[in-house]
Amino acid sequence: MFSDFGSMELMLIVLVTLLVIGPERLPEVLRTLGLWFGRLSRTFTAMKVEVEQEIGMDDVRRQLHNESVMAEMQKIENEVKHSIQPPIPSRAEQAGETEKTACSESQAQSASAAASKEP
């Protein structure tokens, strides 16, 4: 509230106020100012609530919340899809797979040749 005022400015305002109003009337004036600020704050709060009800702010907030939840779910779904993809085999694994495939192909050829020789 007093972010633009330094301590010296505030001391000067308090001193001038004390001189103008006087020490005997100062508590009464501060109490009255407090009451007016309270009323003003309550009035603004009531107006804010009324405007929010008229424009359907609860529905807007609910919709924004639902959209943020859906975006988070989409993000999680994408992360799960990317984590499910099989890992890329290393070169050593690929070489081992090539040898296994070659052995199984030669066994399959020999088995099919043996089967074709039998009547």
PDB file of N, CA and C in Angstrom:
ATOM      1  N   MET A   1       0.827  -1.184   0.000  1.00  0.00           N
ATOM      2  CA  MET A   1       0.000   0.000   0.000  1.00  0.00           C
ATOM      3  C   MET A   1       0.871   1.247   0.000  1.00  0.00           C
ATOM      4  N   PHE A   2       1.906   1.247   0.813  1.00  0.00           N
ATOM      5  CA  PHE A   2       2.785   2.406   0.907  1.00  0.00           C
ATOM      6  C   PHE A   2       4.112   2.133   0.230  1.00  0.00           C
ATOM      7  N   SER A   3       4.075   1.417  -0.895  1.00  0.00           N
ATOM      8  CA  SER A   3       5.318   1.041  -1.555  1.00  0.00           C
ATOM      9  C   SER A   3       6.033   2.241  -2.176  1.00  0.00           C
ATOM     10  N   ASP A   4       5.284   3.313  -2.510  1.00  0.00           N
ATOM     11  CA  ASP A   4       5.904   4.478  -3.127  1.00  0.00           C
ATOM     12  C   ASP A   4       6.445   5.467  -2.102  1.00  0.00           C
ATOM     13  N   PHE A   5       6.084   5.281  -0.837  1.00  0.00           N
ATOM     14  CA  PHE A   5       6.517   6.204   0.210  1.00  0.00           C
ATOM     15  C   PHE A   5       7.691   5.613   0.972  1.00  0.00           C
ATOM     16  N   GLY A   6       8.643   6.471   1.299  1.00  0.00           N
ATOM     17  CA  GLY A   6       9.755   6.068   2.140  1.00  0.00           C
ATOM     18  C   GLY A   6       9.411   6.339   3.596  1.00  0.00           C
ATOM     19  N   SER A   7      10.293   5.965   4.487  1.00  0.00           N
ATOM     20  CA  SER A   7      10.019   6.148   5.913  1.00  0.00           C
ATOM     21  C   SER A   7       9.962   7.631   6.285  1.00  0.00           C
ATOM     22  N   MET A   8      10.760   8.442   5.646  1.00  0.00           N
ATOM     23  CA  MET A   8      10.742   9.875   5.947  1.00  0.00           C
ATOM     24  C   MET A   8       9.426  10.521   5.503  1.00  0.00           C
ATOM     25  N   GLU A   9       8.908  10.121   4.347  1.00  0.00           N
ATOM     26  CA  GLU A   9       7.637  10.669   3.873  1.00  0.00           C
ATOM     27  C   GLU A   9       6.503  10.272   4.809  1.00  0.00           C
ATOM     28  N   LEU A  10       6.502   9.026   5.269  1.00  0.00           N
ATOM     29  CA  LEU A  10       5.465   8.584   6.194  1.00  0.00           C
ATOM     30  C   LEU A  10       5.543   9.337   7.520  1.00  0.00           C
ATOM     31  N   MET A  11       6.743   9.561   8.011  1.00  0.00           N
ATOM     32  CA  MET A  11       6.909  10.317   9.259  1.00  0.00           C
ATOM     33  C   MET A  11       6.373  11.744   9.080  1.00  0.00           C
ATOM     34  N   LEU A  12       6.630  12.348   7.931  1.00  0.00           N
ATOM     35  CA  LEU A  12       6.145  13.703   7.657  1.00  0.00           C
ATOM     36  C   LEU A  12       4.617  13.728   7.597  1.00  0.00           C
ATOM     37  N   ILE A  13       3.999  12.750   6.952  1.00  0.00           N
ATOM     38  CA  ILE A  13       2.540  12.680   6.867  1.00  0.00           C
ATOM     39  C   ILE A  13       1.936  12.518   8.259  1.00  0.00           C
ATOM     40  N   VAL A  14       2.509  11.637   9.070  1.00  0.00           N
ATOM     41  CA  VAL A  14       2.006  11.428  10.429  1.00  0.00           C
ATOM     42  C   VAL A  14       2.137  12.714  11.240  1.00  0.00           C
ATOM     43  N   LEU A  15       3.243  13.422  11.125  1.00  0.00           N
ATOM     44  CA  LEU A  15       3.472  14.649  11.877  1.00  0.00           C
ATOM     45  C   LEU A  15       2.479  15.736  11.467  1.00  0.00           C
ATOM     46  N   VAL A  16       2.274  15.908  10.145  1.00  0.00           N
ATOM     47  CA  VAL A  16       1.327  16.928   9.662  1.00  0.00           C
ATOM     48  C   VAL A  16      -0.086  16.574  10.108  1.00  0.00           C
ATOM     49  N   THR A  17      -0.450  15.301  10.020  1.00  0.00           N
ATOM     50  CA  THR A  17      -1.775  14.858  10.450  1.00  0.00           C
ATOM     51  C   THR A  17      -1.967  15.131  11.940  1.00  0.00           C
ATOM     52  N   LEU A  18      -0.984  14.828  12.721  1.00  0.00           N
ATOM     53  CA  LEU A  18      -1.051  15.059  14.164  1.00  0.00           C
ATOM     54  C   LEU A  18      -1.200  16.544  14.475  1.00  0.00           C
ATOM     55  N   LEU A  19      -0.507  17.407  13.742  1.00  0.00           N
ATOM     56  CA  LEU A  19      -0.606  18.851  13.966  1.00  0.00           C
ATOM     57  C   LEU A  19      -1.956  19.411  13.524  1.00  0.00           C
ATOM     58  N   VAL A  20      -2.468  18.931  12.385  1.00  0.00           N
ATOM     59  CA  VAL A  20      -3.735  19.454  11.853  1.00  0.00           C
ATOM     60  C   VAL A  20      -4.916  18.968  12.689  1.00  0.00           C
ATOM     61  N   ILE A  21      -4.979  17.685  12.968  1.00  0.00           N
ATOM     62  CA  ILE A  21      -6.124  17.105  13.660  1.00  0.00           C
ATOM     63  C   ILE A  21      -5.999  17.307  15.169  1.00  0.00           C
ATOM     64  N   GLY A  22      -4.840  17.135  15.676  1.00  0.00           N
ATOM     65  CA  GLY A  22      -4.635  17.262  17.112  1.00  0.00           C
ATOM     66  C   GLY A  22      -4.652  15.896  17.767  1.00  0.00           C
ATOM     67  N   PRO A  23      -3.908  15.747  18.861  1.00  0.00           N
ATOM     68  CA  PRO A  23      -3.808  14.436  19.507  1.00  0.00           C
ATOM     69  C   PRO A  23      -5.101  13.973  20.160  1.00  0.00           C
ATOM     70  N   GLU A  24      -6.003  14.910  20.559  1.00  0.00           N
ATOM     71  CA  GLU A  24      -7.234  14.478  21.224  1.00  0.00           C
ATOM     72  C   GLU A  24      -8.274  13.953  20.239  1.00  0.00           C
ATOM     73  N   ARG A  25      -8.284  14.432  19.008  1.00  0.00           N
ATOM     74  CA  ARG A  25      -9.253  13.967  17.999  1.00  0.00           C
ATOM     75  C   ARG A  25      -8.685  12.875  17.095  1.00  0.00           C
ATOM     76  N   LEU A  26      -7.397  12.590  17.146  1.00  0.00           N
ATOM     77  CA  LEU A  26      -6.757  11.614  16.264  1.00  0.00           C
ATOM     78  C   LEU A  26      -7.365  10.206  16.385  1.00  0.00           C
ATOM     79  N   PRO A  27      -7.608   9.656  17.582  1.00  0.00           N
ATOM     80  CA  PRO A  27      -8.222   8.312  17.653  1.00  0.00           C
ATOM     81  C   PRO A  27      -9.603   8.242  17.008  1.00  0.00           C
ATOM     82  N   GLU A  28     -10.398   9.288  17.188  1.00  0.00           N
ATOM     83  CA  GLU A  28     -11.735   9.315  16.598  1.00  0.00           C
ATOM     84  C   GLU A  28     -11.662   9.356  15.070  1.00  0.00           C
ATOM     85  N   VAL A  29     -10.750  10.151  14.536  1.00  0.00           N
ATOM     86  CA  VAL A  29     -10.589  10.264  13.081  1.00  0.00           C
ATOM     87  C   VAL A  29     -10.090   8.941  12.502  1.00  0.00           C
ATOM     88  N   LEU A  30      -9.124   8.313  13.156  1.00  0.00           N
ATOM     89  CA  LEU A  30      -8.608   7.026  12.663  1.00  0.00           C
ATOM     90  C   LEU A  30      -9.695   5.945  12.701  1.00  0.00           C
ATOM     91  N   ARG A  31     -10.536   5.951  13.747  1.00  0.00           N
ATOM     92  CA  ARG A  31     -11.624   4.984  13.846  1.00  0.00           C
ATOM     93  C   ARG A  31     -12.628   5.201  12.705  1.00  0.00           C
ATOM     94  N   THR A  32     -12.945   6.445  12.436  1.00  0.00           N
ATOM     95  CA  THR A  32     -13.879   6.763  11.354  1.00  0.00           C
ATOM     96  C   THR A  32     -13.307   6.351  10.003  1.00  0.00           C
ATOM     97  N   LEU A  33     -12.031   6.647   9.789  1.00  0.00           N
ATOM     98  CA  LEU A  33     -11.395   6.229   8.536  1.00  0.00           C
ATOM     99  C   LEU A  33     -11.401   4.711   8.397  1.00  0.00           C
ATOM    100  N   GLY A  34     -11.145   3.991   9.479  1.00  0.00           N
ATOM    101  CA  GLY A  34     -11.186   2.534   9.450  1.00  0.00           C
ATOM    102  C   GLY A  34     -12.555   2.008   9.080  1.00  0.00           C
ATOM    103  N   LEU A  35     -13.610   2.625   9.646  1.00  0.00           N
ATOM    104  CA  LEU A  35     -14.977   2.213   9.319  1.00  0.00           C
ATOM    105  C   LEU A  35     -15.284   2.450   7.840  1.00  0.00           C
ATOM    106  N   TRP A  36     -14.868   3.618   7.321  1.00  0.00           N
ATOM    107  CA  TRP A  36     -15.126   3.913   5.911  1.00  0.00           C
ATOM    108  C   TRP A  36     -14.358   2.962   4.982  1.00  0.00           C
ATOM    109  N   PHE A  37     -13.118   2.679   5.318  1.00  0.00           N
ATOM    110  CA  PHE A  37     -12.353   1.732   4.493  1.00  0.00           C
ATOM    111  C   PHE A  37     -12.975   0.339   4.551  1.00  0.00           C
ATOM    112  N   GLY A  38     -13.478  -0.075   5.696  1.00  0.00           N
ATOM    113  CA  GLY A  38     -14.147  -1.372   5.824  1.00  0.00           C
ATOM    114  C   GLY A  38     -15.399  -1.441   4.971  1.00  0.00           C
ATOM    115  N   ARG A  39     -16.209  -0.381   5.034  1.00  0.00           N
ATOM    116  CA  ARG A  39     -17.429  -0.336   4.218  1.00  0.00           C
ATOM    117  C   ARG A  39     -17.092  -0.365   2.731  1.00  0.00           C
ATOM    118  N   LEU A  40     -16.082   0.410   2.359  1.00  0.00           N
ATOM    119  CA  LEU A  40     -15.667   0.460   0.958  1.00  0.00           C
ATOM    120  C   LEU A  40     -15.185  -0.913   0.487  1.00  0.00           C
ATOM    121  N   SER A  41     -14.416  -1.591   1.329  1.00  0.00           N
ATOM    122  CA  SER A  41     -13.908  -2.927   0.985  1.00  0.00           C
ATOM    123  C   SER A  41     -15.058  -3.919   0.836  1.00  0.00           C
ATOM    124  N   ARG A  42     -16.011  -3.893   1.760  1.00  0.00           N
ATOM    125  CA  ARG A  42     -17.164  -4.803   1.663  1.00  0.00           C
ATOM    126  C   ARG A  42     -17.996  -4.514   0.424  1.00  0.00           C
ATOM    127  N   THR A  43     -18.152  -3.230   0.072  1.00  0.00           N
ATOM    128  CA  THR A  43     -18.916  -2.864  -1.118  1.00  0.00           C
ATOM    129  C   THR A  43     -18.246  -3.404  -2.374  1.00  0.00           C
ATOM    130  N   PHE A  44     -16.924  -3.229  -2.466  1.00  0.00           N
ATOM    131  CA  PHE A  44     -16.211  -3.744  -3.639  1.00  0.00           C
ATOM    132  C   PHE A  44     -16.276  -5.270  -3.708  1.00  0.00           C
ATOM    133  N   THR A  45     -16.189  -5.927  -2.568  1.00  0.00           N
ATOM    134  CA  THR A  45     -16.277  -7.386  -2.552  1.00  0.00           C
ATOM    135  C   THR A  45     -17.657  -7.845  -3.012  1.00  0.00           C
ATOM    136  N   ALA A  46     -18.707  -7.182  -2.537  1.00  0.00           N
ATOM    137  CA  ALA A  46     -20.071  -7.537  -2.940  1.00  0.00           C
ATOM    138  C   ALA A  46     -20.269  -7.307  -4.434  1.00  0.00           C
ATOM    139  N   MET A  47     -19.732  -6.200  -4.947  1.00  0.00           N
ATOM    140  CA  MET A  47     -19.860  -5.934  -6.379  1.00  0.00           C
ATOM    141  C   MET A  47     -19.110  -6.984  -7.193  1.00  0.00           C
ATOM    142  N   LYS A  48     -17.945  -7.375  -6.727  1.00  0.00           N
ATOM    143  CA  LYS A  48     -17.158  -8.392  -7.432  1.00  0.00           C
ATOM    144  C   LYS A  48     -17.919  -9.716  -7.480  1.00  0.00           C
ATOM    145  N   VAL A  49     -18.507 -10.131  -6.357  1.00  0.00           N
ATOM    146  CA  VAL A  49     -19.260 -11.377  -6.315  1.00  0.00           C
ATOM    147  C   VAL A  49     -20.456 -11.304  -7.252  1.00  0.00           C
ATOM    148  N   GLU A  50     -21.159 -10.169  -7.255  1.00  0.00           N
ATOM    149  CA  GLU A  50     -22.329 -10.017  -8.113  1.00  0.00           C
ATOM    150  C   GLU A  50     -21.960 -10.086  -9.594  1.00  0.00           C
ATOM    151  N   VAL A  51     -20.874  -9.421  -9.969  1.00  0.00           N
ATOM    152  CA  VAL A  51     -20.434  -9.442 -11.374  1.00  0.00           C
ATOM    153  C   VAL A  51     -20.017 -10.854 -11.768  1.00  0.00           C
ATOM    154  N   GLU A  52     -19.301 -11.546 -10.879  1.00  0.00           N
ATOM    155  CA  GLU A  52     -18.880 -12.919 -11.183  1.00  0.00           C
ATOM    156  C   GLU A  52     -20.082 -13.833 -11.357  1.00  0.00           C
ATOM    157  N   GLN A  53     -21.119 -13.633 -10.558  1.00  0.00           N
ATOM    158  CA  GLN A  53     -22.322 -14.463 -10.704  1.00  0.00           C
ATOM    159  C   GLN A  53     -23.032 -14.167 -12.015  1.00  0.00           C
ATOM    160  N   GLU A  54     -23.084 -12.884 -12.391  1.00  0.00           N
ATOM    161  CA  GLU A  54     -23.774 -12.517 -13.621  1.00  0.00           C
ATOM    162  C   GLU A  54     -23.083 -13.061 -14.865  1.00  0.00           C
ATOM    163  N   ILE A  55     -21.775 -13.070 -14.876  1.00  0.00           N
ATOM    164  CA  ILE A  55     -21.087 -13.548 -16.075  1.00  0.00           C
ATOM    165  C   ILE A  55     -20.809 -15.044 -16.019  1.00  0.00           C
ATOM    166  N   GLY A  56     -21.214 -15.696 -14.934  1.00  0.00           N
ATOM    167  CA  GLY A  56     -21.010 -17.137 -14.831  1.00  0.00           C
ATOM    168  C   GLY A  56     -19.558 -17.504 -14.630  1.00  0.00           C
ATOM    169  N   MET A  57     -18.900 -16.806 -13.738  1.00  0.00           N
ATOM    170  CA  MET A  57     -17.469 -17.024 -13.527  1.00  0.00           C
ATOM    171  C   MET A  57     -17.181 -18.434 -13.023  1.00  0.00           C
ATOM    172  N   ASP A  58     -18.112 -19.026 -12.264  1.00  0.00           N
ATOM    173  CA  ASP A  58     -17.896 -20.396 -11.787  1.00  0.00           C
ATOM    174  C   ASP A  58     -17.790 -21.365 -12.962  1.00  0.00           C
ATOM    175  N   ASP A  59     -18.655 -21.160 -13.966  1.00  0.00           N
ATOM    176  CA  ASP A  59     -18.595 -22.020 -15.149  1.00  0.00           C
ATOM    177  C   ASP A  59     -17.289 -21.817 -15.910  1.00  0.00           C
ATOM    178  N   VAL A  60     -16.846 -20.572 -16.000  1.00  0.00           N
ATOM    179  CA  VAL A  60     -15.592 -20.283 -16.698  1.00  0.00           C
ATOM    180  C   VAL A  60     -14.429 -20.933 -15.963  1.00  0.00           C
ATOM    181  N   ARG A  61     -14.401 -20.793 -14.632  1.00  0.00           N
ATOM    182  CA  ARG A  61     -13.331 -21.415 -13.844  1.00  0.00           C
ATOM    183  C   ARG A  61     -13.355 -22.930 -13.990  1.00  0.00           C
ATOM    184  N   ARG A  62     -14.555 -23.517 -13.956  1.00  0.00           N
ATOM    185  CA  ARG A  62     -14.677 -24.973 -14.097  1.00  0.00           C
ATOM    186  C   ARG A  62     -14.175 -25.418 -15.462  1.00  0.00           C
ATOM    187  N   GLN A  63     -14.537 -24.675 -16.514  1.00  0.00           N
ATOM    188  CA  GLN A  63     -14.100 -25.012 -17.869  1.00  0.00           C
ATOM    189  C   GLN A  63     -12.582 -24.916 -17.994  1.00  0.00           C
ATOM    190  N   LEU A  64     -11.997 -23.846 -17.435  1.00  0.00           N
ATOM    191  CA  LEU A  64     -10.540 -23.693 -17.483  1.00  0.00           C
ATOM    192  C   LEU A  64      -9.853 -24.819 -16.723  1.00  0.00           C
ATOM    193  N   HIS A  65     -10.428 -25.210 -15.585  1.00  0.00           N
ATOM    194  CA  HIS A  65      -9.853 -26.315 -14.809  1.00  0.00           C
ATOM    195  C   HIS A  65      -9.926 -27.611 -15.610  1.00  0.00           C
ATOM    196  N   ASN A  66     -11.079 -27.862 -16.246  1.00  0.00           N
ATOM    197  CA  ASN A  66     -11.223 -29.081 -17.048  1.00  0.00           C
ATOM    198  C   ASN A  66     -10.228 -29.101 -18.209  1.00  0.00           C
ATOM    199  N   GLU A  67     -10.038 -27.954 -18.841  1.00  0.00           N
ATOM    200  CA  GLU A  67      -9.081 -27.890 -19.949  1.00  0.00           C
ATOM    201  C   GLU A  67      -7.663 -28.156 -19.468  1.00  0.00           C
ATOM    202  N   SER A  68      -7.310 -27.628 -18.308  1.00  0.00           N
ATOM    203  CA  SER A  68      -5.960 -27.868 -17.794  1.00  0.00           C
ATOM    204  C   SER A  68      -5.779 -29.333 -17.413  1.00  0.00           C
ATOM    205  N   VAL A  69      -6.831 -29.951 -16.876  1.00  0.00           N
ATOM    206  CA  VAL A  69      -6.752 -31.378 -16.531  1.00  0.00           C
ATOM    207  C   VAL A  69      -6.605 -32.213 -17.799  1.00  0.00           C
ATOM    208  N   MET A  70      -7.359 -31.877 -18.839  1.00  0.00           N
ATOM    209  CA  MET A  70      -7.265 -32.621 -20.097  1.00  0.00           C
ATOM    210  C   MET A  70      -5.880 -32.448 -20.729  1.00  0.00           C
ATOM    211  N   ALA A  71      -5.328 -31.265 -20.667  1.00  0.00           N
ATOM    212  CA  ALA A  71      -3.981 -31.044 -21.211  1.00  0.00           C
ATOM    213  C   ALA A  71      -2.956 -31.872 -20.445  1.00  0.00           C
ATOM    214  N   GLU A  72      -3.110 -31.950 -19.138  1.00  0.00           N
ATOM    215  CA  GLU A  72      -2.191 -32.759 -18.323  1.00  0.00           C
ATOM    216  C   GLU A  72      -2.333 -34.242 -18.665  1.00  0.00           C
ATOM    217  N   MET A  73      -3.567 -34.702 -18.859  1.00  0.00           N
ATOM    218  CA  MET A  73      -3.785 -36.103 -19.229  1.00  0.00           C
ATOM    219  C   MET A  73      -3.177 -36.407 -20.596  1.00  0.00           C
ATOM    220  N   GLN A  74      -3.303 -35.486 -21.540  1.00  0.00           N
ATOM    221  CA  GLN A  74      -2.722 -35.667 -22.869  1.00  0.00           C
ATOM    222  C   GLN A  74      -1.204 -35.748 -22.772  1.00  0.00           C
ATOM    223  N   LYS A  75      -0.623 -34.912 -21.923  1.00  0.00           N
ATOM    224  CA  LYS A  75       0.824 -34.931 -21.730  1.00  0.00           C
ATOM    225  C   LYS A  75       1.271 -36.275 -21.157  1.00  0.00           C
ATOM    226  N   ILE A  76       0.551 -36.771 -20.169  1.00  0.00           N
ATOM    227  CA  ILE A  76       0.886 -38.065 -19.564  1.00  0.00           C
ATOM    228  C   ILE A  76       0.723 -39.186 -20.579  1.00  0.00           C
ATOM    229  N   GLU A  77      -0.335 -39.128 -21.394  1.00  0.00           N
ATOM    230  CA  GLU A  77      -0.554 -40.143 -22.424  1.00  0.00           C
ATOM    231  C   GLU A  77       0.601 -40.168 -23.416  1.00  0.00           C
ATOM    232  N   ASN A  78       1.056 -39.002 -23.834  1.00  0.00           N
ATOM    233  CA  ASN A  78       2.190 -38.935 -24.766  1.00  0.00           C
ATOM    234  C   ASN A  78       3.459 -39.499 -24.141  1.00  0.00           C
ATOM    235  N   GLU A  79       3.677 -39.193 -22.856  1.00  0.00           N
ATOM    236  CA  GLU A  79       4.854 -39.733 -22.170  1.00  0.00           C
ATOM    237  C   GLU A  79       4.800 -41.255 -22.098  1.00  0.00           C
ATOM    238  N   VAL A  80       3.613 -41.796 -21.831  1.00  0.00           N
ATOM    239  CA  VAL A  80       3.469 -43.254 -21.750  1.00  0.00           C
ATOM    240  C   VAL A  80       3.691 -43.885 -23.112  1.00  0.00           C
ATOM    241  N   LYS A  81       3.148 -43.277 -24.162  1.00  0.00           N
ATOM    242  CA  LYS A  81       3.346 -43.822 -25.511  1.00  0.00           C
ATOM    243  C   LYS A  81       4.815 -43.841 -25.889  1.00  0.00           C
ATOM    244  N   HIS A  82       5.533 -42.792 -25.543  1.00  0.00           N
ATOM    245  CA  HIS A  82       6.957 -42.734 -25.885  1.00  0.00           C
ATOM    246  C   HIS A  82       7.771 -43.703 -25.033  1.00  0.00           C
ATOM    247  N   SER A  83       7.328 -43.980 -23.830  1.00  0.00           N
ATOM    248  CA  SER A  83       8.086 -44.898 -22.986  1.00  0.00           C
ATOM    249  C   SER A  83       7.824 -46.354 -23.363  1.00  0.00           C
ATOM    250  N   ILE A  84       6.726 -46.632 -24.055  1.00  0.00           N
ATOM    251  CA  ILE A  84       6.396 -48.001 -24.448  1.00  0.00           C
ATOM    252  C   ILE A  84       7.179 -48.435 -25.679  1.00  0.00           C
ATOM    253  N   GLN A  85       7.621 -47.535 -26.522  1.00  0.00           N
ATOM    254  CA  GLN A  85       8.340 -47.895 -27.734  1.00  0.00           C
ATOM    255  C   GLN A  85       9.572 -48.721 -27.371  1.00  0.00           C
ATOM    256  N   PRO A  86       9.846 -49.770 -28.160  1.00  0.00           N
ATOM    257  CA  PRO A  86      10.976 -50.638 -27.823  1.00  0.00           C
ATOM    258  C   PRO A  86      12.294 -49.888 -27.955  1.00  0.00           C
ATOM    259  N   PRO A  87      13.252 -50.256 -27.138  1.00  0.00           N
ATOM    260  CA  PRO A  87      14.551 -49.586 -27.220  1.00  0.00           C
ATOM    261  C   PRO A  87      15.286 -49.987 -28.496  1.00  0.00           C
ATOM    262  N   ILE A  88      16.146 -49.137 -28.961  1.00  0.00           N
ATOM    263  CA  ILE A  88      16.942 -49.401 -30.153  1.00  0.00           C
ATOM    264  C   ILE A  88      18.077 -50.340 -29.755  1.00  0.00           C
ATOM    265  N   PRO A  89      18.193 -51.509 -30.437  1.00  0.00           N
ATOM    266  CA  PRO A  89      19.238 -52.463 -30.053  1.00  0.00           C
ATOM    267  C   PRO A  89      20.619 -51.925 -30.405  1.00  0.00           C
ATOM    268  N   SER A  90      21.588 -52.330 -29.602  1.00  0.00           N
ATOM    269  CA  SER A  90      22.961 -51.899 -29.856  1.00  0.00           C
ATOM    270  C   SER A  90      23.541 -52.710 -31.012  1.00  0.00           C
ATOM    271  N   ARG A  91      24.712 -52.334 -31.492  1.00  0.00           N
ATOM    272  CA  ARG A  91      25.330 -53.022 -32.630  1.00  0.00           C
ATOM    273  C   ARG A  91      25.694 -54.454 -32.275  1.00  0.00           C
ATOM    274  N   ALA A  92      26.134 -54.694 -31.044  1.00  0.00           N
ATOM    275  CA  ALA A  92      26.494 -56.054 -30.629  1.00  0.00           C
ATOM    276  C   ALA A  92      25.250 -56.937 -30.641  1.00  0.00           C
ATOM    277  N   GLU A  93      24.111 -56.394 -30.156  1.00  0.00           N
ATOM    278  CA  GLU A  93      22.876 -57.168 -30.165  1.00  0.00           C
ATOM    279  C   GLU A  93      22.424 -57.440 -31.591  1.00  0.00           C
ATOM    280  N   GLN A  94      22.590 -56.439 -32.482  1.00  0.00           N
ATOM    281  CA  GLN A  94      22.197 -56.632 -33.872  1.00  0.00           C
ATOM    282  C   GLN A  94      23.054 -57.717 -34.523  1.00  0.00           C
ATOM    283  N   ALA A  95      24.357 -57.761 -34.212  1.00  0.00           N
ATOM    284  CA  ALA A  95      25.246 -58.778 -34.782  1.00  0.00           C
ATOM    285  C   ALA A  95      24.837 -60.155 -34.282  1.00  0.00           C
ATOM    286  N   GLY A  96      24.501 -60.279 -33.001  1.00  0.00           N
ATOM    287  CA  GLY A  96      24.056 -61.556 -32.443  1.00  0.00           C
ATOM    288  C   GLY A  96      22.755 -62.008 -33.078  1.00  0.00           C
ATOM    289  N   GLU A  97      21.839 -61.071 -33.334  1.00  0.00           N
ATOM    290  CA  GLU A  97      20.572 -61.406 -33.963  1.00  0.00           C
ATOM    291  C   GLU A  97      20.795 -61.873 -35.398  1.00  0.00           C
ATOM    292  N   THR A  98      21.763 -61.276 -36.105  1.00  0.00           N
ATOM    293  CA  THR A  98      22.050 -61.663 -37.484  1.00  0.00           C
ATOM    294  C   THR A  98      22.569 -63.096 -37.523  1.00  0.00           C
ATOM    295  N   GLU A  99      23.450 -63.446 -36.576  1.00  0.00           N
ATOM    296  CA  GLU A  99      23.966 -64.817 -36.529  1.00  0.00           C
ATOM    297  C   GLU A  99      22.861 -65.810 -36.205  1.00  0.00           C
ATOM    298  N   LYS A 100      22.001 -65.472 -35.265  1.00  0.00           N
ATOM    299  CA  LYS A 100      20.897 -66.368 -34.898  1.00  0.00           C
ATOM    300  C   LYS A 100      19.957 -66.561 -36.078  1.00  0.00           C
ATOM    301  N   THR A 101      19.686 -65.472 -36.771  1.00  0.00           N
ATOM    302  CA  THR A 101      18.787 -65.555 -37.918  1.00  0.00           C
ATOM    303  C   THR A 101      19.407 -66.428 -39.010  1.00  0.00           C
ATOM    304  N   ALA A 102      20.704 -66.284 -39.256  1.00  0.00           N
ATOM    305  CA  ALA A 102      21.381 -67.071 -40.285  1.00  0.00           C
ATOM    306  C   ALA A 102      21.360 -68.548 -39.902  1.00  0.00           C
ATOM    307  N   CYS A 103      21.608 -68.877 -38.631  1.00  0.00           N
ATOM    308  CA  CYS A 103      21.589 -70.265 -38.180  1.00  0.00           C
ATOM    309  C   CYS A 103      20.202 -70.853 -38.312  1.00  0.00           C
ATOM    310  N   SER A 104      19.189 -70.120 -37.910  1.00  0.00           N
ATOM    311  CA  SER A 104      17.831 -70.661 -37.978  1.00  0.00           C
ATOM    312  C   SER A 104      17.377 -70.808 -39.425  1.00  0.00           C
ATOM    313  N   GLU A 105      17.819 -69.913 -40.322  1.00  0.00           N
ATOM    314  CA  GLU A 105      17.466 -70.040 -41.732  1.00  0.00           C
ATOM    315  C   GLU A 105      18.131 -71.277 -42.342  1.00  0.00           C
ATOM    316  N   SER A 106      19.394 -71.531 -41.994  1.00  0.00           N
ATOM    317  CA  SER A 106      20.071 -72.705 -42.554  1.00  0.00           C
ATOM    318  C   SER A 106      19.447 -73.981 -42.004  1.00  0.00           C
ATOM    319  N   GLN A 107      19.013 -73.969 -40.743  1.00  0.00           N
ATOM    320  CA  GLN A 107      18.347 -75.150 -40.182  1.00  0.00           C
ATOM    321  C   GLN A 107      17.010 -75.370 -40.862  1.00  0.00           C
ATOM    322  N   ALA A 108      16.310 -74.283 -41.139  1.00  0.00           N
ATOM    323  CA  ALA A 108      15.015 -74.401 -41.803  1.00  0.00           C
ATOM    324  C   ALA A 108      15.195 -74.919 -43.218  1.00  0.00           C
ATOM    325  N   GLN A 109      16.262 -74.516 -43.920  1.00  0.00           N
ATOM    326  CA  GLN A 109      16.514 -74.983 -45.285  1.00  0.00           C
ATOM    327  C   GLN A 109      16.873 -76.459 -45.277  1.00  0.00           C
ATOM    328  N   SER A 110      17.706 -76.848 -44.302  1.00  0.00           N
ATOM    329  CA  SER A 110      18.086 -78.262 -44.253  1.00  0.00           C
ATOM    330  C   SER A 110      16.884 -79.130 -43.888  1.00  0.00           C
ATOM    331  N   ALA A 111      16.011 -78.625 -43.040  1.00  0.00           N
ATOM    332  CA  ALA A 111      14.828 -79.397 -42.655  1.00  0.00           C
ATOM    333  C   ALA A 111      13.883 -79.494 -43.848  1.00  0.00           C
ATOM    334  N   SER A 112      13.743 -78.423 -44.609  1.00  0.00           N
ATOM    335  CA  SER A 112      12.833 -78.482 -45.766  1.00  0.00           C
ATOM    336  C   SER A 112      13.444 -79.359 -46.864  1.00  0.00           C
ATOM    337  N   ALA A 113      14.776 -79.385 -46.987  1.00  0.00           N
ATOM    338  CA  ALA A 113      15.418 -80.264 -47.966  1.00  0.00           C
ATOM    339  C   ALA A 113      15.241 -81.706 -47.557  1.00  0.00           C
ATOM    340  N   ALA A 114      15.359 -82.008 -46.299  1.00  0.00           N
ATOM    341  CA  ALA A 114      15.179 -83.370 -45.805  1.00  0.00           C
ATOM    342  C   ALA A 114      13.740 -83.805 -46.007  1.00  0.00           C
ATOM    343  N   ALA A 115      12.825 -82.890 -45.793  1.00  0.00           N
ATOM    344  CA  ALA A 115      11.396 -83.223 -45.963  1.00  0.00           C
ATOM    345  C   ALA A 115      11.072 -83.454 -47.429  1.00  0.00           C
ATOM    346  N   SER A 116      11.711 -82.748 -48.320  1.00  0.00           N
ATOM    347  CA  SER A 116      11.429 -82.908 -49.739  1.00  0.00           C
ATOM    348  C   SER A 116      12.049 -84.206 -50.274  1.00  0.00           C
ATOM    349  N   LYS A 117      13.113 -84.745 -49.652  1.00  0.00           N
ATOM    350  CA  LYS A 117      13.743 -85.970 -50.088  1.00  0.00           C
ATOM    351  C   LYS A 117      12.895 -87.174 -49.681  1.00  0.00           C
ATOM    352  N   GLU A 118      12.200 -87.063 -48.566  1.00  0.00           N
ATOM    353  CA  GLU A 118      11.381 -88.178 -48.123  1.00  0.00           C
ATOM    354  C   GLU A 118      10.130 -88.243 -48.970  1.00  0.00           C
ATOM    355  N   PRO A 119       9.762 -89.469 -49.367  1.00  0.00           N
ATOM    356  CA  PRO A 119       8.550 -89.613 -50.182  1.00  0.00           C
ATOM    357  C   PRO A 119       7.291 -89.568 -49.399  1.00  0.00           C
TER     358      PRO A 119
END
